[in-house]
Amino acid sequence: IKKRLEKCNQDILDYVEEFRDFSKMVLSRLAGLNNYKAEVKSEVDNLLTRIERAQRDIDYFGSVTDSNTCIEVHEDLVKQQLFEEAEEKKKLKLMLNASCDHMLAGIKSLKIVKKTGDKHGCWMKDPGKKHTKIYLLNGSVNNVILEFANIMTFMESNHTLKARRVTLPFAWEGTGHVIYQGFLFYHRYGSLNEIIKFNIQKRNIIDQMLLPGAGRIPAYQLSPSTKIDLAIDEQGLWAIHAEPETGGNIVITKINHITMAVEHTWDTSCNSKDAEAAFMACNTLYVVYNFPSGGTSRIQCVYDVLDAVNTYEIPVLHFPKRQGSHSTIHYNPKEKQLFAWGDGSQIIYKLHTKQKV
């Protein structure tokens, strides 16, 4: 029994020792697991930090890329617009014959050819034909044209007896009509903005058009009967008018006199306030101003559609030796002079020109 007890004690001691070794091993492994857990936790925290930093970098570079893209798109739009504007100017120069390079430098003299008719009216030659006929359109509303063989016939005292009378199917409005290459172009009375093309010799209407934006206010404040002022220069037919949307500033439109189609329109910086008339010469608008009570007419606003004239360096040009007002002033490109109607007088102004700079 004693031996068996000793053996049991020894077995217990052995079991206790094994249990101790096992416990040490378990504790050691648990300590290792804790250390590994801490290492894993540290690695995970580090990985999360790096992911957050990478996300911030991605967001930053994304915003920079988007900004550069916007800048590149904006620059491309500007380049495209500049290219289109340059191409448009090239087309305009071709259309308007850029070789027309002279500008008005002064008004040399005037000649009162005759005094006949009402306060308002219009008289002219046809610069597109090789003839010397004179046309007189009396009044701001009428439908009869007087045609004279030449200026000498017009100047005779009984000139109306020698005139050929041409009756229009519709009356005109205002005094802004022109005759070009055998056709009368005029604003039809009672219409907002209808322009009629009338064959003078055949006495019939050839075509008509509506001028967009025109007819709502006078082209010139001091000539309220004229809503649309037509003009002729070296490049052909133009229309001059004002619009409420431009603050009363004058608008000029190039019209194809054959097809009666609008070719191009320009908003000018010339205001219609205190203006009495205007004319086109060599692609350039010259606006004539005066006082409401009448006085010395003066050109003090110039607009060149091709930007070939530095308008800020042009001095005010005064009309010589005359007090009063003008109903119309039209440029004759063939004779390089102005045909004007002033207070019932038919006047010719001779011009002094110079090369555009």
Protein backbone atom coordinates (compact mmCIF):
# COMPACT_ATOMS: atom_id res chain seq x y z
CA ILE A 1 0.00 0.00 0.00
CA LYS A 2 2.86 2.32 0.94
CA LYS A 3 4.49 1.68 -2.40
CA ARG A 4 1.24 2.25 -4.21
CA LEU A 5 0.75 5.53 -2.32
CA GLU A 6 4.25 6.63 -3.21
CA LYS A 7 3.60 5.75 -6.81
CA CYS A 8 0.34 7.73 -6.80
CA ASN A 9 2.09 10.72 -5.25
CA GLN A 10 4.77 10.49 -7.85
CA ASP A 11 2.16 10.28 -10.60
CA ILE A 12 0.40 13.31 -9.17
CA LEU A 13 3.66 15.20 -9.04
CA ASP A 14 4.35 14.22 -12.61
CA TYR A 15 0.83 15.31 -13.64
CA VAL A 16 1.28 18.60 -11.78
CA GLU A 17 4.63 19.16 -13.52
CA GLU A 18 3.11 18.38 -16.90
CA PHE A 19 0.20 20.66 -16.12
CA ARG A 20 2.63 23.40 -15.22
CA ASP A 21 4.53 22.91 -18.44
CA PHE A 22 1.27 22.84 -20.34
CA SER A 23 0.07 25.99 -18.59
CA LYS A 24 3.33 27.75 -19.35
CA MET A 25 2.98 26.71 -22.97
CA VAL A 26 -0.63 27.92 -23.11
CA LEU A 27 0.24 31.17 -21.40
CA SER A 28 3.16 31.63 -23.75
CA ARG A 29 0.95 30.99 -26.73
CA LEU A 30 -1.71 33.36 -25.37
CA ALA A 31 0.94 36.04 -24.91
CA GLY A 32 2.05 35.45 -28.48
CA LEU A 33 -1.49 35.71 -29.70
CA ASN A 34 -1.93 39.00 -27.87
CA ASN A 35 1.27 40.33 -29.36
CA TYR A 36 0.15 39.14 -32.81
CA LYS A 37 -3.26 40.68 -32.24
CA ALA A 38 -1.63 43.99 -31.36
CA GLU A 39 0.62 43.74 -34.42
CA VAL A 40 -2.36 42.93 -36.61
CA LYS A 41 -4.33 45.82 -35.11
CA SER A 42 -1.39 48.15 -35.68
CA GLU A 43 -1.03 46.97 -39.28
CA VAL A 44 -4.75 47.40 -39.88
CA ASP A 45 -4.70 50.94 -38.40
CA ASN A 46 -1.69 51.78 -40.54
CA LEU A 47 -3.42 50.38 -43.63
CA LEU A 48 -6.55 52.46 -42.94
CA THR A 49 -4.43 55.58 -42.55
CA ARG A 50 -2.72 54.92 -45.86
CA ILE A 51 -6.09 54.29 -47.52
CA GLU A 52 -7.45 57.60 -46.22
CA ARG A 53 -4.34 59.42 -47.43
CA ALA A 54 -4.60 57.76 -50.82
CA GLN A 55 -8.27 58.77 -51.07
CA ARG A 56 -7.38 62.37 -50.29
CA ASP A 57 -4.69 62.26 -52.98
CA ILE A 58 -7.17 60.79 -55.44
CA ASP A 59 -9.71 63.52 -54.63
CA TYR A 60 -7.08 66.24 -54.98
CA PHE A 61 -5.72 65.03 -58.29
CA GLY A 62 -9.28 64.54 -59.51
CA SER A 63 -10.15 68.15 -58.72
CA VAL A 64 -6.96 69.41 -60.37
CA THR A 65 -7.69 67.35 -63.48
CA ASP A 66 -11.26 68.66 -63.64
CA SER A 67 -9.99 72.25 -63.24
CA ASN A 68 -7.42 71.79 -65.98
CA THR A 69 -10.09 70.27 -68.19
CA CYS A 70 -12.35 73.27 -67.66
CA ILE A 71 -9.47 75.62 -68.41
CA GLU A 72 -8.60 73.69 -71.55
CA VAL A 73 -12.24 73.68 -72.68
CA HIS A 74 -12.55 77.42 -71.97
CA GLU A 75 -9.35 78.14 -73.90
CA ASP A 76 -10.58 75.99 -76.78
CA LEU A 77 -13.86 77.96 -76.86
CA VAL A 78 -11.99 81.27 -76.90
CA LYS A 79 -9.71 80.04 -79.68
CA GLN A 80 -12.71 78.81 -81.64
CA GLN A 81 -14.50 82.15 -81.19
CA LEU A 82 -11.41 84.10 -82.26
CA PHE A 83 -11.03 81.85 -85.29
CA GLU A 84 -14.69 82.28 -86.23
CA GLU A 85 -14.43 86.07 -85.82
CA ALA A 86 -11.32 86.15 -88.02
CA GLU A 87 -13.07 84.05 -90.66
CA GLU A 88 -16.13 86.31 -90.46
CA LYS A 89 -13.95 89.38 -91.01
CA LYS A 90 -12.33 87.71 -94.01
CA LYS A 91 -15.75 86.97 -95.49
CA LEU A 92 -16.90 90.55 -94.83
CA LYS A 93 -13.79 91.97 -96.48
CA LEU A 94 -14.40 89.82 -99.53
CA MET A 95 -18.08 90.73 -99.60
CA LEU A 96 -17.47 94.45 -99.06
CA ASN A 97 -14.44 94.80 -101.30
CA ALA A 98 -11.76 95.93 -98.84
CA SER A 99 -9.98 97.86 -101.62
CA CYS A 100 -12.44 100.69 -100.86
CA ASP A 101 -9.98 102.55 -98.66
CA HIS A 102 -10.97 106.22 -98.57
CA MET A 103 -12.70 108.12 -95.79
CA LEU A 104 -14.27 111.53 -95.36
CA ALA A 105 -11.80 114.23 -94.28
CA GLY A 106 -13.98 117.31 -94.71
CA ILE A 107 -16.80 119.02 -96.60
CA LYS A 108 -15.28 121.41 -99.12
CA SER A 109 -18.26 123.36 -100.39
CA LEU A 110 -21.99 123.43 -100.97
CA LYS A 111 -24.16 124.36 -103.88
CA ILE A 112 -27.89 125.05 -103.55
CA VAL A 113 -29.13 123.65 -106.84
CA LYS A 114 -32.78 124.59 -106.41
CA LYS A 115 -35.44 125.35 -103.83
CA THR A 116 -38.61 123.46 -104.56
CA GLY A 117 -41.02 121.24 -102.73
CA ASP A 118 -41.93 120.69 -99.09
CA LYS A 119 -39.70 120.89 -96.03
CA HIS A 120 -39.13 117.15 -96.27
CA GLY A 121 -38.12 115.26 -99.37
CA CYS A 122 -35.39 113.47 -101.25
CA TRP A 123 -33.55 113.97 -104.55
CA MET A 124 -30.78 111.96 -106.21
CA LYS A 125 -29.04 110.51 -109.22
CA ASP A 126 -28.75 106.81 -109.94
CA PRO A 127 -25.07 105.99 -109.26
CA GLY A 128 -25.44 102.54 -110.76
CA LYS A 129 -26.38 103.78 -114.24
CA LYS A 130 -24.53 105.76 -116.85
CA HIS A 131 -27.12 108.47 -117.20
CA THR A 132 -27.61 111.98 -115.89
CA LYS A 133 -31.23 111.72 -114.83
CA ILE A 134 -32.39 113.47 -111.67
CA TYR A 135 -35.15 112.06 -109.47
CA LEU A 136 -37.21 114.09 -107.02
CA LEU A 137 -39.48 112.56 -104.36
CA ASN A 138 -41.33 115.34 -102.57
CA GLY A 139 -42.80 114.96 -99.06
CA SER A 140 -42.55 112.32 -96.35
CA VAL A 141 -45.66 110.52 -97.67
CA ASN A 142 -46.30 110.43 -101.42
CA ASN A 143 -46.51 108.07 -104.38
CA VAL A 144 -45.29 110.17 -107.34
CA ILE A 145 -41.67 110.33 -108.57
CA LEU A 146 -40.55 113.18 -110.84
CA GLU A 147 -37.84 112.15 -113.31
CA PHE A 148 -35.78 114.83 -115.12
CA ALA A 149 -33.51 114.29 -118.12
CA ASN A 150 -30.58 116.06 -116.45
CA ILE A 151 -29.75 118.57 -113.78
CA MET A 152 -30.13 121.54 -116.16
CA THR A 153 -33.74 120.54 -116.85
CA PHE A 154 -34.31 120.20 -113.14
CA MET A 155 -32.97 123.70 -112.50
CA GLU A 156 -35.36 125.38 -114.98
CA SER A 157 -38.20 127.44 -113.51
CA ASN A 158 -40.90 125.34 -115.18
CA HIS A 159 -39.14 122.08 -114.40
CA THR A 160 -42.28 120.24 -113.29
CA LEU A 161 -43.75 120.55 -116.79
CA LYS A 162 -40.76 118.72 -118.27
CA ALA A 163 -40.66 115.98 -115.69
CA ARG A 164 -41.75 112.41 -116.32
CA ARG A 165 -44.20 111.39 -113.62
CA VAL A 166 -43.99 107.87 -112.26
CA THR A 167 -46.81 106.78 -109.97
CA LEU A 168 -46.09 104.07 -107.43
CA PRO A 169 -48.65 101.38 -106.53
CA PHE A 170 -47.94 102.05 -102.83
CA ALA A 171 -46.87 105.32 -101.19
CA TRP A 172 -43.53 105.76 -99.46
CA GLU A 173 -42.94 106.66 -95.83
CA GLY A 174 -40.21 109.03 -94.68
CA THR A 175 -37.42 110.30 -96.89
CA GLY A 176 -34.98 107.41 -96.83
CA HIS A 177 -35.41 106.09 -100.37
CA VAL A 178 -32.68 105.42 -102.95
CA ILE A 179 -32.46 104.69 -106.66
CA TYR A 180 -29.87 102.16 -107.76
CA GLN A 181 -29.38 100.43 -111.13
CA GLY A 182 -32.81 101.50 -112.36
CA PHE A 183 -34.71 100.45 -109.25
CA LEU A 184 -36.31 102.51 -106.51
CA PHE A 185 -35.95 101.05 -103.02
CA TYR A 186 -38.30 102.54 -100.44
CA HIS A 187 -40.10 101.96 -97.13
CA ARG A 188 -43.75 101.24 -97.84
CA TYR A 189 -46.17 103.62 -96.11
CA GLY A 190 -48.31 102.00 -93.43
CA SER A 191 -46.03 98.99 -93.00
CA LEU A 192 -43.72 98.42 -90.07
CA ASN A 193 -40.58 97.47 -91.99
CA GLU A 194 -41.44 96.49 -95.58
CA ILE A 195 -38.95 97.59 -98.21
CA ILE A 196 -40.13 97.58 -101.82
CA LYS A 197 -38.00 97.20 -104.94
CA PHE A 198 -39.67 99.03 -107.84
CA ASN A 199 -38.60 99.05 -111.49
CA ILE A 200 -38.84 102.70 -112.56
CA GLN A 201 -38.92 102.12 -116.32
CA LYS A 202 -41.35 99.18 -116.31
CA ARG A 203 -43.33 100.72 -113.45
CA ASN A 204 -43.87 97.54 -111.50
CA ILE A 205 -42.82 96.01 -108.19
CA ILE A 206 -40.02 93.48 -108.60
CA ASP A 207 -39.54 92.33 -105.03
CA GLN A 208 -40.03 93.24 -101.38
CA MET A 209 -38.56 92.27 -98.01
CA LEU A 210 -39.07 92.79 -94.29
CA LEU A 211 -36.15 94.35 -92.42
CA PRO A 212 -35.86 92.60 -89.02
CA GLY A 213 -35.95 94.90 -85.99
CA ALA A 214 -36.65 98.08 -87.94
CA GLY A 215 -39.62 100.44 -88.07
CA ARG A 216 -40.54 100.76 -84.40
CA ILE A 217 -38.71 104.03 -83.70
CA PRO A 218 -37.29 106.74 -85.98
CA ALA A 219 -33.85 106.24 -87.39
CA TYR A 220 -33.04 109.81 -86.29
CA GLN A 221 -34.69 111.74 -83.48
CA LEU A 222 -34.78 114.99 -85.48
CA SER A 223 -36.33 113.29 -88.53
CA PRO A 224 -39.22 111.37 -86.95
CA SER A 225 -40.94 110.52 -90.26
CA THR A 226 -38.02 108.35 -91.38
CA LYS A 227 -38.05 104.93 -89.72
CA ILE A 228 -35.80 103.26 -92.31
CA ASP A 229 -33.13 105.22 -94.17
CA LEU A 230 -31.75 103.41 -97.21
CA ALA A 231 -28.29 104.26 -98.49
CA ILE A 232 -25.96 103.51 -101.40
CA ASP A 233 -22.18 103.46 -101.39
CA GLU A 234 -19.41 101.71 -103.34
CA GLN A 235 -20.61 98.36 -101.99
CA GLY A 236 -24.29 98.70 -102.89
CA LEU A 237 -27.44 98.87 -100.77
CA TRP A 238 -27.60 99.51 -97.01
CA ALA A 239 -30.38 100.14 -94.49
CA ILE A 240 -29.97 102.46 -91.49
CA HIS A 241 -32.39 102.34 -88.58
CA ALA A 242 -32.60 102.37 -84.76
CA GLU A 243 -33.96 99.81 -82.32
CA PRO A 244 -35.27 100.11 -78.74
CA GLU A 245 -33.11 97.12 -77.72
CA THR A 246 -29.93 99.03 -78.59
CA GLY A 247 -30.90 102.00 -76.42
CA GLY A 248 -31.69 104.04 -79.52
CA ASN A 249 -28.30 103.37 -81.09
CA ILE A 250 -28.21 103.14 -84.86
CA VAL A 251 -28.13 99.75 -86.58
CA ILE A 252 -26.84 99.26 -90.12
CA THR A 253 -27.68 96.33 -92.37
CA LYS A 254 -26.08 95.31 -95.64
CA ILE A 255 -28.73 94.19 -98.15
CA ASN A 256 -28.18 92.29 -101.37
CA HIS A 257 -30.02 94.56 -103.82
CA ILE A 258 -30.55 91.69 -106.27
CA THR A 259 -31.98 89.04 -103.94
CA MET A 260 -33.31 91.49 -101.31
CA ALA A 261 -31.72 89.36 -98.58
CA VAL A 262 -29.91 90.57 -95.45
CA GLU A 263 -26.18 89.89 -95.74
CA HIS A 264 -24.97 91.22 -92.37
CA THR A 265 -26.02 93.55 -89.54
CA TRP A 266 -23.95 95.76 -87.23
CA ASP A 267 -24.95 97.43 -83.96
CA THR A 268 -23.12 100.76 -83.91
CA SER A 269 -22.12 103.06 -81.07
CA CYS A 270 -23.81 106.05 -82.75
CA ASN A 271 -26.94 107.24 -80.97
CA SER A 272 -30.03 108.49 -82.78
CA LYS A 273 -30.61 111.26 -80.22
CA ASP A 274 -30.17 114.71 -81.86
CA ALA A 275 -29.36 112.97 -85.17
CA GLU A 276 -31.05 114.32 -88.30
CA ALA A 277 -29.54 112.15 -91.05
CA ALA A 278 -26.76 109.74 -91.95
CA PHE A 279 -25.08 108.24 -94.99
CA MET A 280 -22.77 105.38 -95.95
CA ALA A 281 -19.51 105.90 -97.81
CA CYS A 282 -16.91 103.21 -98.41
CA ASN A 283 -18.24 100.81 -95.75
CA THR A 284 -18.42 103.61 -93.19
CA LEU A 285 -21.43 105.19 -91.49
CA TYR A 286 -21.38 108.97 -90.96
CA VAL A 287 -24.09 110.30 -88.63
CA VAL A 288 -25.13 113.96 -88.89
CA TYR A 289 -26.29 115.76 -85.74
CA ASN A 290 -27.96 119.11 -85.18
CA PHE A 291 -29.96 121.07 -82.62
CA PRO A 292 -33.73 120.56 -82.29
CA SER A 293 -34.29 124.17 -83.30
CA GLY A 294 -31.87 123.90 -86.24
CA GLY A 295 -28.33 125.15 -86.61
CA THR A 296 -25.02 124.04 -88.07
CA SER A 297 -25.12 120.37 -88.97
CA ARG A 298 -22.09 118.34 -87.95
CA ILE A 299 -20.75 114.81 -88.31
CA GLN A 300 -19.62 113.62 -84.91
CA CYS A 301 -20.08 109.86 -84.98
CA VAL A 302 -18.39 107.53 -87.46
CA TYR A 303 -18.59 103.74 -87.62
CA ASP A 304 -16.51 101.63 -90.00
CA VAL A 305 -17.88 98.09 -90.38
CA LEU A 306 -14.39 96.67 -91.08
CA ASP A 307 -12.66 98.57 -88.25
CA ALA A 308 -10.38 100.22 -90.79
CA VAL A 309 -10.95 103.69 -89.30
CA ASN A 310 -9.86 104.85 -85.87
CA THR A 311 -13.08 106.69 -85.11
CA TYR A 312 -11.73 108.27 -81.93
CA GLU A 313 -9.21 110.33 -83.89
CA ILE A 314 -11.74 111.77 -86.34
CA PRO A 315 -12.57 115.41 -85.60
CA VAL A 316 -16.11 116.78 -85.71
CA LEU A 317 -16.86 117.79 -89.32
CA HIS A 318 -19.16 120.80 -89.81
CA PHE A 319 -21.28 121.49 -92.87
CA PRO A 320 -20.23 124.87 -94.28
CA LYS A 321 -22.04 128.22 -94.60
CA ARG A 322 -25.52 127.12 -93.76
CA GLN A 323 -27.93 127.23 -90.83
CA GLY A 324 -30.98 124.98 -90.78
CA SER A 325 -31.66 121.25 -90.89
CA HIS A 326 -31.53 118.34 -93.30
CA SER A 327 -34.34 115.99 -94.19
CA THR A 328 -32.00 113.62 -96.05
CA ILE A 329 -28.33 113.34 -96.91
CA HIS A 330 -27.36 110.68 -99.44
CA TYR A 331 -23.90 109.83 -100.75
CA ASN A 332 -23.36 109.35 -104.48
CA PRO A 333 -20.38 106.98 -104.90
CA LYS A 334 -20.07 107.71 -108.61
CA GLU A 335 -19.60 111.46 -108.13
CA LYS A 336 -18.15 111.31 -104.57
CA GLN A 337 -20.53 113.99 -103.30
CA LEU A 338 -23.61 114.34 -101.12
CA PHE A 339 -27.14 115.02 -102.35
CA ALA A 340 -29.04 116.68 -99.50
CA TRP A 341 -32.51 118.10 -98.91
CA GLY A 342 -32.51 120.96 -96.44
CA ASP A 343 -35.66 122.92 -95.57
CA GLY A 344 -37.02 122.55 -99.12
CA SER A 345 -33.67 123.22 -100.83
CA GLN A 346 -31.83 120.70 -102.96
CA ILE A 347 -28.13 120.88 -102.08
CA ILE A 348 -24.92 119.28 -103.31
CA TYR A 349 -21.96 119.01 -100.94
CA LYS A 350 -18.52 118.33 -102.40
CA LEU A 351 -16.27 116.20 -100.22
CA HIS A 352 -12.64 116.08 -99.30
CA THR A 353 -11.43 112.49 -98.73
CA LYS A 354 -8.25 110.79 -97.60
CA GLN A 355 -6.95 107.26 -97.30
CA LYS A 356 -8.10 105.25 -94.29
CA VAL A 357 -5.48 104.71 -91.60
